Protein backbone atom coordinates (compact mmCIF):
# COMPACT_ATOMS: atom_id res chain seq x y z
CA MET A 1 -14.15 -22.60 1.20
CA PRO A 2 -10.66 -24.29 0.36
CA GLU A 3 -7.68 -24.56 2.88
CA LEU A 4 -4.69 -23.68 0.65
CA ARG A 5 -2.00 -26.19 2.64
CA ARG A 6 0.95 -25.12 0.36
CA ALA A 7 0.34 -21.59 0.92
CA ARG A 8 -0.14 -21.89 4.82
CA ALA A 9 2.90 -23.81 5.46
CA VAL A 10 5.00 -20.84 3.72
CA LEU A 11 3.45 -18.78 6.50
CA GLU A 12 4.04 -21.27 9.35
CA SER A 13 7.50 -21.67 8.14
CA ALA A 14 7.93 -18.14 8.12
CA ILE A 15 6.75 -17.73 11.70
CA ARG A 16 8.99 -20.29 12.88
CA SER A 17 11.77 -18.21 11.23
CA ARG A 18 10.73 -15.21 13.13
CA VAL A 19 10.16 -13.26 9.73
CA PHE A 20 6.76 -12.11 11.73
CA PRO A 21 4.98 -13.35 14.58
CA GLY A 22 1.85 -13.60 12.61
CA ALA A 23 -0.19 -12.84 9.32
CA CYS A 24 -3.54 -12.46 8.24
CA VAL A 25 -4.61 -13.42 4.56
CA GLU A 26 -7.51 -13.15 2.16
CA VAL A 27 -7.47 -14.53 -1.34
CA GLY A 28 -10.54 -14.37 -3.59
CA THR A 29 -12.25 -13.71 -6.65
CA ALA A 30 -14.21 -10.87 -8.20
CA THR A 31 -17.57 -12.00 -6.09
CA GLU A 32 -16.07 -13.66 -2.97
CA PRO A 33 -13.41 -14.68 -0.59
CA LEU A 34 -12.20 -18.04 -1.26
CA TRP A 35 -9.68 -18.38 1.45
CA GLN A 36 -9.53 -16.46 5.06
CA VAL A 37 -7.03 -17.55 7.57
CA GLY A 38 -5.12 -15.95 10.49
CA VAL A 39 -1.88 -17.56 11.81
CA GLY A 40 0.54 -16.80 14.34
CA ALA A 41 0.17 -13.97 17.07
CA LEU A 42 0.11 -10.25 17.19
CA THR A 43 3.38 -10.43 18.96
CA TYR A 44 6.15 -12.49 20.10
CA ASP A 45 6.01 -11.30 23.68
CA PRO A 46 2.45 -10.64 25.63
CA MET A 47 1.03 -7.45 24.92
CA PRO A 48 1.21 -4.54 27.03
CA VAL A 49 -2.47 -4.93 28.25
CA SER A 50 -2.66 -8.38 29.79
CA ASP A 51 -6.49 -9.19 28.65
CA THR A 52 -5.60 -8.13 25.03
CA PRO A 53 -5.53 -11.46 22.68
CA THR A 54 -2.80 -12.58 21.24
CA ALA A 55 -3.79 -14.78 18.22
CA VAL A 56 -4.46 -13.21 14.71
CA THR A 57 -7.83 -13.44 13.53
CA ARG A 58 -9.60 -12.10 10.27
CA ASP A 59 -10.36 -9.03 12.42
CA THR A 60 -6.73 -8.01 13.33
CA VAL A 61 -5.88 -4.62 12.08
CA TYR A 62 -2.48 -3.94 10.70
CA ASP A 63 -0.69 -0.69 9.62
CA LEU A 64 -0.76 -0.96 5.81
CA ALA A 65 1.91 1.52 5.22
CA SER A 66 2.39 1.77 1.66
CA LEU A 67 -0.70 -0.16 0.51
CA THR A 68 -1.94 3.64 1.09
CA LYS A 69 -0.51 4.74 -2.28
CA VAL A 70 -2.77 2.44 -3.96
CA LEU A 71 -5.74 2.05 -1.72
CA ALA A 72 -6.14 5.97 -1.19
CA THR A 73 -3.70 8.24 -3.38
CA ALA A 74 -3.78 6.48 -6.89
CA THR A 75 -7.80 5.75 -6.28
CA ILE A 76 -8.70 9.06 -5.64
CA ALA A 77 -6.50 10.53 -8.66
CA MET A 78 -8.01 8.24 -11.01
CA ARG A 79 -11.50 9.71 -9.73
CA HIS A 80 -9.94 13.63 -10.13
CA VAL A 81 -8.81 12.47 -13.52
CA GLU A 82 -12.21 11.13 -14.37
CA GLN A 83 -13.76 14.31 -13.11
CA GLY A 84 -11.23 16.51 -15.15
CA THR A 85 -9.89 18.23 -11.95
CA ILE A 86 -6.71 17.41 -12.99
CA ALA A 87 -4.62 15.71 -15.83
CA LEU A 88 -2.26 13.16 -15.99
CA ASP A 89 0.37 15.64 -17.96
CA ASP A 90 -0.59 18.76 -15.66
CA PRO A 91 2.88 20.05 -14.79
CA VAL A 92 3.27 19.91 -11.01
CA ALA A 93 4.04 23.50 -10.61
CA ASP A 94 0.47 24.15 -11.92
CA HIS A 95 -0.73 22.56 -8.53
CA VAL A 96 2.26 23.28 -6.22
CA PRO A 97 3.19 26.92 -6.39
CA GLN A 98 6.38 26.32 -4.48
CA TRP A 99 7.58 24.02 -7.13
CA THR A 100 9.53 26.71 -9.24
CA ALA A 101 13.02 25.53 -9.72
CA ALA A 102 13.98 25.14 -13.61
CA ASP A 103 15.19 21.84 -13.52
CA ARG A 104 11.54 20.40 -12.25
CA GLN A 105 9.16 22.76 -14.51
CA ALA A 106 8.70 19.53 -16.70
CA VAL A 107 7.63 17.12 -14.13
CA THR A 108 3.94 15.97 -14.21
CA ILE A 109 1.29 14.37 -12.12
CA ARG A 110 2.22 11.25 -14.20
CA ASP A 111 5.54 11.41 -13.26
CA LEU A 112 4.70 11.54 -9.28
CA LEU A 113 2.47 8.47 -9.70
CA SER A 114 5.09 6.62 -11.51
CA HIS A 115 8.04 7.32 -9.65
CA ALA A 116 9.87 8.95 -12.34
CA SER A 117 9.78 12.61 -10.95
CA GLY A 118 13.62 13.04 -9.83
CA LEU A 119 12.86 13.27 -6.23
CA PRO A 120 15.05 10.86 -3.94
CA ALA A 121 13.30 7.83 -2.43
CA HIS A 122 13.12 9.54 1.32
CA ARG A 123 14.19 12.11 3.79
CA PRO A 124 13.91 11.92 7.30
CA TYR A 125 12.08 15.61 7.15
CA TYR A 126 10.27 14.39 10.68
CA ARG A 127 13.52 15.17 12.56
CA ASP A 128 12.79 19.14 12.11
CA LEU A 129 9.53 19.32 10.61
CA GLU A 130 5.68 19.07 11.08
CA GLY A 131 2.80 19.74 8.98
CA GLU A 132 2.05 19.28 5.29
CA ASP A 133 2.74 23.16 4.72
CA ALA A 134 6.33 22.50 5.68
CA PHE A 135 6.98 18.96 3.87
CA VAL A 136 5.86 20.60 0.70
CA ASN A 137 8.11 23.66 0.81
CA ALA A 138 10.89 21.17 1.86
CA ILE A 139 9.92 18.97 -1.18
CA ALA A 140 9.71 21.26 -3.50
CA ALA A 141 13.24 22.78 -2.68
CA GLU A 142 14.77 19.41 -2.53
CA PRO A 143 17.49 18.72 -5.18
CA LEU A 144 16.37 16.27 -7.77
CA GLU A 145 18.43 13.10 -8.02
CA TYR A 146 18.05 12.56 -11.68
CA GLN A 147 16.53 13.81 -14.88
CA PRO A 148 12.47 13.40 -14.60
CA GLY A 149 11.52 10.65 -16.91
CA SER A 150 14.93 8.91 -17.36
CA ARG A 151 14.35 6.51 -14.69
CA SER A 152 12.24 5.30 -11.74
CA ILE A 153 13.30 5.58 -8.13
CA TYR A 154 10.58 4.81 -5.39
CA SER A 155 9.50 7.67 -3.50
CA ASP A 156 7.49 8.89 -0.65
CA LEU A 157 8.22 12.39 -1.23
CA GLY A 158 5.90 12.40 -4.66
CA PHE A 159 3.11 11.12 -2.93
CA ILE A 160 3.34 13.37 0.14
CA LEU A 161 3.39 15.84 -3.02
CA LEU A 162 0.25 14.13 -4.30
CA ALA A 163 -1.73 14.09 -0.92
CA ARG A 164 -1.48 17.99 -1.27
CA ILE A 165 -2.65 18.25 -5.04
CA LEU A 166 -5.50 15.64 -4.15
CA GLY A 167 -6.48 16.85 -1.06
CA ARG A 168 -7.29 20.20 -2.59
CA GLY A 169 -7.18 22.35 0.95
CA ARG A 170 -8.23 19.25 2.73
CA SER A 171 -6.94 16.27 4.36
CA LEU A 172 -6.70 13.36 2.24
CA ALA A 173 -8.62 11.27 4.75
CA ASP A 174 -11.74 13.25 3.62
CA PRO A 175 -11.64 12.21 0.00
CA PHE A 176 -10.60 8.74 0.82
CA ASP A 177 -13.76 8.21 3.31
CA ALA A 178 -15.68 9.22 0.39
CA VAL A 179 -14.15 6.54 -1.80
CA TRP A 180 -14.66 3.93 0.49
CA ALA A 181 -18.14 4.97 1.19
CA ALA A 182 -18.64 4.57 -2.27
CA VAL A 183 -17.32 0.89 -2.27
CA GLY A 184 -19.89 0.25 0.56
CA ALA A 185 -17.36 -1.98 2.88
CA GLY A 186 -17.72 -1.16 6.15
CA GLU A 187 -15.37 0.91 8.55
CA ASP A 188 -12.45 -1.47 8.79
CA LEU A 189 -10.09 0.94 6.88
CA GLN A 190 -9.45 3.96 8.06
CA PHE A 191 -6.72 6.87 8.48
CA ARG A 192 -6.11 7.71 12.62
CA PRO A 193 -7.99 4.45 13.67
CA PRO A 194 -10.01 4.71 16.51
CA SER A 195 -9.14 3.83 20.37
CA PHE A 196 -11.20 1.03 20.34
CA TRP A 197 -9.37 -0.94 17.64
CA LEU A 198 -6.11 -1.01 19.78
CA ARG A 199 -7.05 -4.27 21.29
CA ARG A 200 -7.15 -6.12 17.81
CA THR A 201 -4.12 -4.02 16.43
CA ALA A 202 -0.73 -5.65 15.43
CA PRO A 203 1.98 -3.58 16.90
CA THR A 204 4.89 -2.66 14.68
CA GLU A 205 8.21 -1.77 16.29
CA PHE A 206 9.44 0.32 19.20
CA ASP A 207 10.63 3.39 17.78
CA ALA A 208 13.49 5.27 19.26
CA TRP A 209 12.48 8.74 18.07
CA ARG A 210 9.21 8.41 19.74
CA GLY A 211 10.30 6.29 22.80
CA ARG A 212 7.40 3.89 22.65
CA LEU A 213 5.97 0.81 21.09
CA LEU A 214 3.83 1.68 18.29
CA VAL A 215 0.21 0.21 18.38
CA GLY A 216 -2.30 1.92 16.59
CA GLU A 217 -0.42 4.72 15.60
CA VAL A 218 1.39 5.10 12.43
CA HIS A 219 4.82 3.40 11.80
CA ASP A 220 6.08 5.70 9.24
CA ASP A 221 7.79 8.51 11.05
CA ASN A 222 6.93 11.31 8.20
CA CYS A 223 3.51 10.16 8.16
CA TRP A 224 3.31 10.82 11.85
CA ALA A 225 4.98 14.33 11.77
CA LEU A 226 2.04 14.99 9.14
CA GLY A 227 -0.54 14.09 11.68
CA GLY A 228 -1.26 10.56 10.49
CA VAL A 229 -2.39 11.22 6.93
CA SER A 230 -0.68 11.55 3.82
CA GLY A 231 -0.23 9.85 0.40
CA HIS A 232 2.31 7.66 1.12
CA ALA A 233 1.43 6.15 4.44
CA GLY A 234 -1.24 6.16 7.26
CA LEU A 235 -3.96 3.63 6.51
CA PHE A 236 -4.88 1.00 8.99
CA GLY A 237 -7.12 -2.11 8.19
CA THR A 238 -7.88 -5.52 8.13
CA ALA A 239 -7.40 -8.28 5.39
CA PRO A 240 -10.94 -8.67 4.66
CA ALA A 241 -11.49 -4.75 4.08
CA VAL A 242 -8.70 -4.67 1.64
CA GLY A 243 -10.24 -7.84 -0.02
CA THR A 244 -13.44 -5.79 -0.43
CA PHE A 245 -11.40 -3.01 -2.30
CA ALA A 246 -9.86 -5.80 -4.23
CA ARG A 247 -12.75 -7.43 -5.36
CA HIS A 248 -14.27 -3.99 -6.42
CA VAL A 249 -11.06 -3.51 -8.76
CA LEU A 250 -11.53 -6.88 -10.20
CA GLN A 251 -15.28 -5.79 -10.71
CA VAL A 252 -14.26 -2.90 -12.80
CA PHE A 253 -11.58 -4.92 -14.67
CA ASP A 254 -14.55 -7.34 -15.80
CA GLY A 255 -16.56 -4.10 -17.06
CA ARG A 256 -18.99 -3.48 -14.07
CA SER A 257 -19.75 -0.28 -12.93
CA GLY A 258 -17.66 1.06 -9.78
CA ILE A 259 -15.71 4.06 -8.41
CA VAL A 260 -13.91 4.46 -11.56
CA GLY A 261 -14.37 3.51 -14.95
CA ARG A 262 -12.60 0.57 -16.65
CA GLY A 263 -10.54 2.62 -18.90
CA THR A 264 -9.37 5.16 -16.34
CA LEU A 265 -8.19 1.72 -14.43
CA GLY A 266 -6.70 0.49 -17.38
CA VAL A 267 -4.32 3.55 -17.76
CA PHE A 268 -3.40 3.62 -14.30
CA ALA A 269 -2.89 -0.41 -14.29
CA ALA A 270 -0.76 -0.05 -17.40
CA LYS A 271 3.02 -0.31 -17.00
CA ARG A 272 4.34 3.34 -17.75
CA ALA A 273 6.12 3.39 -21.41
CA GLY A 274 9.32 5.27 -21.92
CA VAL A 275 10.78 4.97 -18.55
CA PRO A 276 14.06 2.43 -18.66
CA GLY A 277 14.13 -0.31 -16.39
CA SER A 278 10.90 0.74 -14.44
CA SER A 279 7.96 -1.87 -13.82
CA ARG A 280 5.79 1.08 -12.58
CA ALA A 281 2.25 1.84 -13.46
CA LEU A 282 0.73 4.92 -12.02
CA GLY A 283 0.62 4.38 -8.29
CA TRP A 284 0.66 0.57 -8.76
CA ASP A 285 3.60 -1.80 -9.50
CA THR A 286 3.35 -4.31 -12.37
CA MET A 287 4.24 -7.98 -12.62
CA LEU A 288 8.25 -8.92 -12.55
CA PRO A 289 8.89 -12.50 -11.68
CA THR A 290 11.91 -11.63 -9.15
CA SER A 291 9.56 -9.44 -7.12
CA SER A 292 7.29 -10.04 -4.14
CA CYS A 293 4.47 -11.17 -6.36
CA GLY A 294 6.27 -14.59 -7.58
CA THR A 295 6.39 -16.17 -10.72
CA ARG A 296 2.88 -17.45 -11.29
CA MET A 297 0.68 -14.12 -11.79
CA SER A 298 0.07 -12.80 -15.24
CA ALA A 299 1.70 -10.20 -17.17
CA ARG A 300 -1.51 -8.04 -16.31
CA ALA A 301 -1.30 -8.25 -12.37
CA ILE A 302 -0.84 -5.06 -10.34
CA GLY A 303 0.40 -4.90 -6.82
CA HIS A 304 2.04 -3.01 -4.15
CA VAL A 305 3.80 -3.80 -0.84
CA GLY A 306 4.06 -1.98 2.39
CA PHE A 307 7.03 -1.43 4.56
CA THR A 308 5.41 -2.86 7.30
CA GLY A 309 4.94 -6.29 5.76
CA THR A 310 1.84 -5.89 3.88
CA SER A 311 0.98 -6.75 0.56
CA LEU A 312 -1.98 -6.92 -2.37
CA TRP A 313 -1.69 -8.35 -5.61
CA ILE A 314 -4.86 -8.54 -8.14
CA ASP A 315 -4.51 -10.60 -11.28
CA PRO A 316 -7.34 -9.78 -13.58
CA GLU A 317 -6.10 -12.31 -16.03
CA HIS A 318 -6.77 -15.14 -13.37
CA GLY A 319 -9.22 -13.40 -11.72
CA TRP A 320 -7.88 -13.55 -8.51
CA TYR A 321 -6.34 -11.30 -5.62
CA VAL A 322 -4.10 -11.81 -2.75
CA VAL A 323 -3.94 -9.85 0.51
CA LEU A 324 -1.23 -10.67 3.00
CA LEU A 325 -0.82 -8.58 6.26
CA SER A 326 1.94 -8.97 8.64
CA ASN A 327 3.98 -7.03 11.14
CA ARG A 328 7.40 -7.99 9.94
CA VAL A 329 8.93 -4.89 11.53
CA HIS A 330 7.90 -6.18 14.92
CA PRO A 331 9.95 -5.81 17.20
CA SER A 332 12.36 -3.84 15.19
CA ARG A 333 12.73 -3.17 11.43
CA ASP A 334 16.16 -4.48 11.65
CA ALA A 335 14.89 -7.85 12.69
CA VAL A 336 14.27 -9.16 9.04
CA ASP A 337 15.95 -7.65 6.21
CA LEU A 338 13.94 -6.80 2.86
CA GLU A 339 15.19 -9.60 0.81
CA THR A 340 13.86 -12.32 3.23
CA ILE A 341 10.35 -10.79 3.14
CA THR A 342 10.35 -10.57 -0.53
CA ARG A 343 11.38 -14.36 -0.52
CA VAL A 344 8.41 -15.30 1.82
CA ARG A 345 6.10 -13.19 -0.15
CA ALA A 346 7.23 -14.53 -3.53
CA ALA A 347 6.94 -18.11 -2.24
CA PHE A 348 3.70 -17.54 -0.61
CA HIS A 349 1.87 -16.23 -3.86
CA ASP A 350 3.60 -19.03 -5.74
CA ALA A 351 2.04 -21.17 -3.29
CA VAL A 352 -1.61 -19.55 -3.40
CA PHE A 353 -1.63 -20.16 -7.13
CA GLU A 354 -0.53 -23.97 -6.88
CA ASP A 355 -3.28 -24.50 -4.41
CA LEU A 356 -6.07 -22.74 -6.46
CA ALA A 357 -4.66 -24.50 -9.84
CA ALA A 358 -5.11 -27.72 -7.66
CA GLU A 359 -8.53 -26.93 -6.30
CA GLY A 360 -9.83 -25.69 -9.59
CA ALA A 361 -10.92 -22.09 -8.32
CA GLY A 362 -11.19 -19.34 -10.26
């Protein structure tokens, strides 16, 4: 397994600059991991439990945050589309009876998946609401910020609605567990992680609303008010577990059988046409040289980031994937701005590609 020296140097520099206390990485192809490394520590300070290990390893668990949107929600949506239980151009009103206002009757499942529904990015519902029914009612009554389809605003609210639509009366954790079992990759990717994971889980931040340091408890406050399971956040996992998913996706791109067909994956991985200024596909984001993916990935690359400091990028043209998990919100989300973590991610991904090219990998 090669040592990607340039990429490791980017991580070590970020740790010295306190962008995050540590990170775990997996880089690989459709058939195998090429590089796995943990650098740094779970926290800048000793953990609350004195015998808890502090060094990041390949088994360290991270709050994956919005990687949930692609690992769970978009993947479950693909399976529903293949099974014919939903269609991308179904009106949301067909699946959410509360979605009744005249300004939103044309909004479709495709619009929710591509963040082009007109919904705002975020609302702090957790302050007053609890449970999916209350959230869905509030989102259905939320004034739209723009004409659906005329632009794209990244929206957690749309993915909370998708959890209701795709769950079909059940928790989204149930269909996700079925997907993950079909991938056949063990148990290191879950909603509501078990308590025995705590010793190897990186903390996120001290949450003033909940009055405690969050360890093994979902960072996103709206997801917390939803019981830890939603379409926009909630998954916890390790870099090797996310890497297993990425290898499966690359295998489907290569035409092998998988949890969905190659044609369906192609539809979801294609940048949505007709939405001005948007790089969004369905669930996924696509390559922009100014984004977290850096400048070296191909135009076919798809990926996503998570607010806590996580990212996944998959490049079917080169045949590589890159998982980068960190807890950049520790000890506070205000410690590192989004511009800084975006620069680090971009530099890291460019360094990975430079190292792999030098190794002749892929």
